[in-house]
Each structure stands twice: as structure tokens, then as C-alpha cells.
N, C-alpha and C. Protein backbone atom coordinates (compact mmCIF):
# COMPACT_ATOMS: atom_id res chain seq x y z
N MET A 1 -51.28 -108.65 -17.84
CA MET A 1 -49.90 -108.51 -17.40
C MET A 1 -49.41 -107.08 -17.54
N SER A 2 -49.76 -106.42 -18.65
CA SER A 2 -49.26 -105.06 -18.84
C SER A 2 -49.82 -104.11 -17.79
N SER A 3 -51.06 -104.33 -17.35
CA SER A 3 -51.61 -103.45 -16.31
C SER A 3 -50.86 -103.66 -15.00
N TYR A 4 -50.42 -104.89 -14.73
CA TYR A 4 -49.63 -105.15 -13.53
C TYR A 4 -48.31 -104.39 -13.61
N VAL A 5 -47.66 -104.46 -14.76
CA VAL A 5 -46.37 -103.79 -14.93
C VAL A 5 -46.54 -102.28 -14.78
N LEU A 6 -47.63 -101.74 -15.32
CA LEU A 6 -47.87 -100.31 -15.17
C LEU A 6 -48.09 -99.93 -13.71
N ALA A 7 -48.76 -100.78 -12.97
CA ALA A 7 -49.03 -100.50 -11.55
C ALA A 7 -47.82 -100.76 -10.66
N HIS A 8 -46.89 -101.61 -11.12
CA HIS A 8 -45.72 -101.99 -10.32
C HIS A 8 -44.46 -101.74 -11.15
N ARG A 9 -44.20 -100.50 -11.43
CA ARG A 9 -43.11 -100.12 -12.34
C ARG A 9 -41.73 -100.52 -11.85
N ASP A 10 -41.57 -100.82 -10.58
CA ASP A 10 -40.26 -101.23 -10.06
C ASP A 10 -40.04 -102.74 -10.11
N ASP A 11 -41.03 -103.49 -10.56
CA ASP A 11 -40.91 -104.95 -10.63
C ASP A 11 -40.22 -105.33 -11.94
N GLU A 12 -38.89 -105.40 -11.89
CA GLU A 12 -38.11 -105.67 -13.10
C GLU A 12 -38.39 -107.05 -13.68
N GLU A 13 -38.63 -108.04 -12.83
CA GLU A 13 -38.92 -109.39 -13.32
C GLU A 13 -40.21 -109.40 -14.14
N ALA A 14 -41.23 -108.72 -13.67
CA ALA A 14 -42.49 -108.65 -14.42
C ALA A 14 -42.28 -107.96 -15.76
N PHE A 15 -41.48 -106.91 -15.77
CA PHE A 15 -41.19 -106.21 -17.02
C PHE A 15 -40.47 -107.13 -18.01
N GLU A 16 -39.50 -107.89 -17.53
CA GLU A 16 -38.77 -108.82 -18.39
C GLU A 16 -39.68 -109.90 -18.96
N VAL A 17 -40.63 -110.39 -18.17
CA VAL A 17 -41.59 -111.39 -18.64
C VAL A 17 -42.47 -110.78 -19.73
N LEU A 18 -42.92 -109.55 -19.51
CA LEU A 18 -43.74 -108.87 -20.50
C LEU A 18 -42.99 -108.70 -21.82
N ILE A 19 -41.76 -108.27 -21.76
CA ILE A 19 -40.95 -108.09 -22.97
C ILE A 19 -40.72 -109.42 -23.68
N ALA A 20 -40.50 -110.48 -22.93
CA ALA A 20 -40.27 -111.80 -23.52
C ALA A 20 -41.49 -112.31 -24.27
N ARG A 21 -42.67 -111.83 -23.90
CA ARG A 21 -43.92 -112.28 -24.54
C ARG A 21 -44.27 -111.49 -25.79
N ARG A 22 -43.51 -110.44 -26.09
CA ARG A 22 -43.87 -109.60 -27.23
C ARG A 22 -43.77 -110.38 -28.54
N SER A 23 -44.45 -109.88 -29.54
CA SER A 23 -44.42 -110.51 -30.86
C SER A 23 -43.06 -110.26 -31.51
N PRO A 24 -42.61 -111.20 -32.32
CA PRO A 24 -41.37 -110.95 -33.08
C PRO A 24 -41.60 -109.77 -34.03
N ASP A 25 -40.52 -109.10 -34.41
CA ASP A 25 -40.65 -107.94 -35.29
C ASP A 25 -41.41 -108.27 -36.57
N SER A 26 -41.29 -109.49 -37.06
CA SER A 26 -41.99 -109.85 -38.30
C SER A 26 -43.51 -109.86 -38.13
N GLU A 27 -43.99 -109.96 -36.90
CA GLU A 27 -45.43 -109.96 -36.62
C GLU A 27 -45.90 -108.65 -35.99
N ALA A 28 -44.99 -107.75 -35.74
CA ALA A 28 -45.32 -106.50 -35.05
C ALA A 28 -46.08 -105.56 -35.97
N THR A 29 -46.85 -104.69 -35.36
CA THR A 29 -47.53 -103.62 -36.09
C THR A 29 -46.63 -102.39 -36.04
N TRP A 30 -46.26 -101.89 -37.20
CA TRP A 30 -45.39 -100.72 -37.27
C TRP A 30 -46.22 -99.51 -37.64
N TYR A 31 -46.03 -98.44 -36.93
CA TYR A 31 -46.73 -97.18 -37.18
C TYR A 31 -45.73 -96.16 -37.69
N ASN A 32 -46.01 -95.57 -38.82
CA ASN A 32 -45.10 -94.59 -39.42
C ASN A 32 -45.73 -93.21 -39.41
N PHE A 33 -45.73 -92.59 -38.24
CA PHE A 33 -46.28 -91.26 -38.12
C PHE A 33 -45.22 -90.24 -38.50
N PRO A 34 -45.62 -89.17 -39.16
CA PRO A 34 -44.64 -88.12 -39.48
C PRO A 34 -44.15 -87.45 -38.19
N TYR A 35 -42.92 -86.99 -38.22
CA TYR A 35 -42.36 -86.34 -37.04
C TYR A 35 -42.79 -84.86 -37.04
N THR A 36 -44.05 -84.69 -36.75
CA THR A 36 -44.65 -83.37 -36.62
C THR A 36 -45.43 -83.36 -35.32
N GLU A 37 -45.91 -82.20 -34.93
CA GLU A 37 -46.70 -82.11 -33.71
C GLU A 37 -47.96 -82.98 -33.83
N GLU A 38 -48.61 -82.94 -34.98
CA GLU A 38 -49.82 -83.75 -35.20
C GLU A 38 -49.46 -85.25 -35.21
N GLY A 39 -48.36 -85.62 -35.84
CA GLY A 39 -47.94 -87.02 -35.85
C GLY A 39 -47.65 -87.53 -34.45
N GLN A 40 -47.02 -86.70 -33.63
CA GLN A 40 -46.74 -87.08 -32.25
C GLN A 40 -48.03 -87.26 -31.46
N ARG A 41 -49.00 -86.37 -31.69
CA ARG A 41 -50.30 -86.49 -31.01
C ARG A 41 -50.99 -87.79 -31.42
N GLN A 42 -50.94 -88.12 -32.70
CA GLN A 42 -51.57 -89.36 -33.18
C GLN A 42 -50.88 -90.57 -32.56
N MET A 43 -49.56 -90.54 -32.49
CA MET A 43 -48.81 -91.66 -31.92
C MET A 43 -49.16 -91.83 -30.44
N GLN A 44 -49.25 -90.75 -29.70
CA GLN A 44 -49.62 -90.83 -28.29
C GLN A 44 -51.02 -91.42 -28.12
N GLU A 45 -51.93 -91.06 -29.01
CA GLU A 45 -53.29 -91.59 -28.94
C GLU A 45 -53.30 -93.10 -29.20
N VAL A 46 -52.54 -93.55 -30.18
CA VAL A 46 -52.47 -94.99 -30.46
C VAL A 46 -51.89 -95.72 -29.25
N PHE A 47 -50.81 -95.19 -28.67
CA PHE A 47 -50.21 -95.83 -27.50
C PHE A 47 -51.19 -95.87 -26.34
N ARG A 48 -51.92 -94.77 -26.11
CA ARG A 48 -52.90 -94.74 -25.03
C ARG A 48 -53.96 -95.81 -25.24
N ARG A 49 -54.45 -95.93 -26.47
CA ARG A 49 -55.49 -96.92 -26.77
C ARG A 49 -54.95 -98.34 -26.62
N LYS A 50 -53.69 -98.57 -27.04
CA LYS A 50 -53.08 -99.90 -26.88
C LYS A 50 -52.95 -100.26 -25.40
N ILE A 51 -52.47 -99.33 -24.61
CA ILE A 51 -52.29 -99.58 -23.18
C ILE A 51 -53.62 -99.86 -22.50
N ASN A 52 -54.65 -99.17 -22.92
CA ASN A 52 -55.98 -99.36 -22.33
C ASN A 52 -56.75 -100.54 -22.94
N GLY A 53 -56.11 -101.28 -23.86
CA GLY A 53 -56.75 -102.46 -24.44
C GLY A 53 -57.83 -102.14 -25.44
N GLU A 54 -57.82 -100.95 -26.01
CA GLU A 54 -58.84 -100.55 -26.96
C GLU A 54 -58.50 -100.97 -28.39
N LEU A 55 -57.27 -101.35 -28.63
CA LEU A 55 -56.85 -101.78 -29.98
C LEU A 55 -56.44 -103.24 -29.95
């Protein structure tokens, strides 16, 4: 579903369905990267890997 939303960024209904399926905050994975250039790079890498299904 997330790959569809990425490919069809104007499909608001698909985006809303994706958001509705997310885990509750109590089950979410929280990342606490420092607000530095290196921390931002690490955060971008984690997001890239999540989007690509590597994590």
C-alpha cells in the first residue's frame, strides 16, 4: 500500500487508508536521533530503509 501511495501522491483516499492502518503510538518505534547533521543523515537513512521495506 505504501508503494502505491508513493506512486500516486495525489490520491488522498489511499493516503487516509494508509494512515488509518498505522500502529498506535504505544506500539510505534520511536527514533531519538540528535539534532545534528549526522543525526539527520541517520534519520534519513532509516526512513529510506523503511520506505524500501528493508526494516
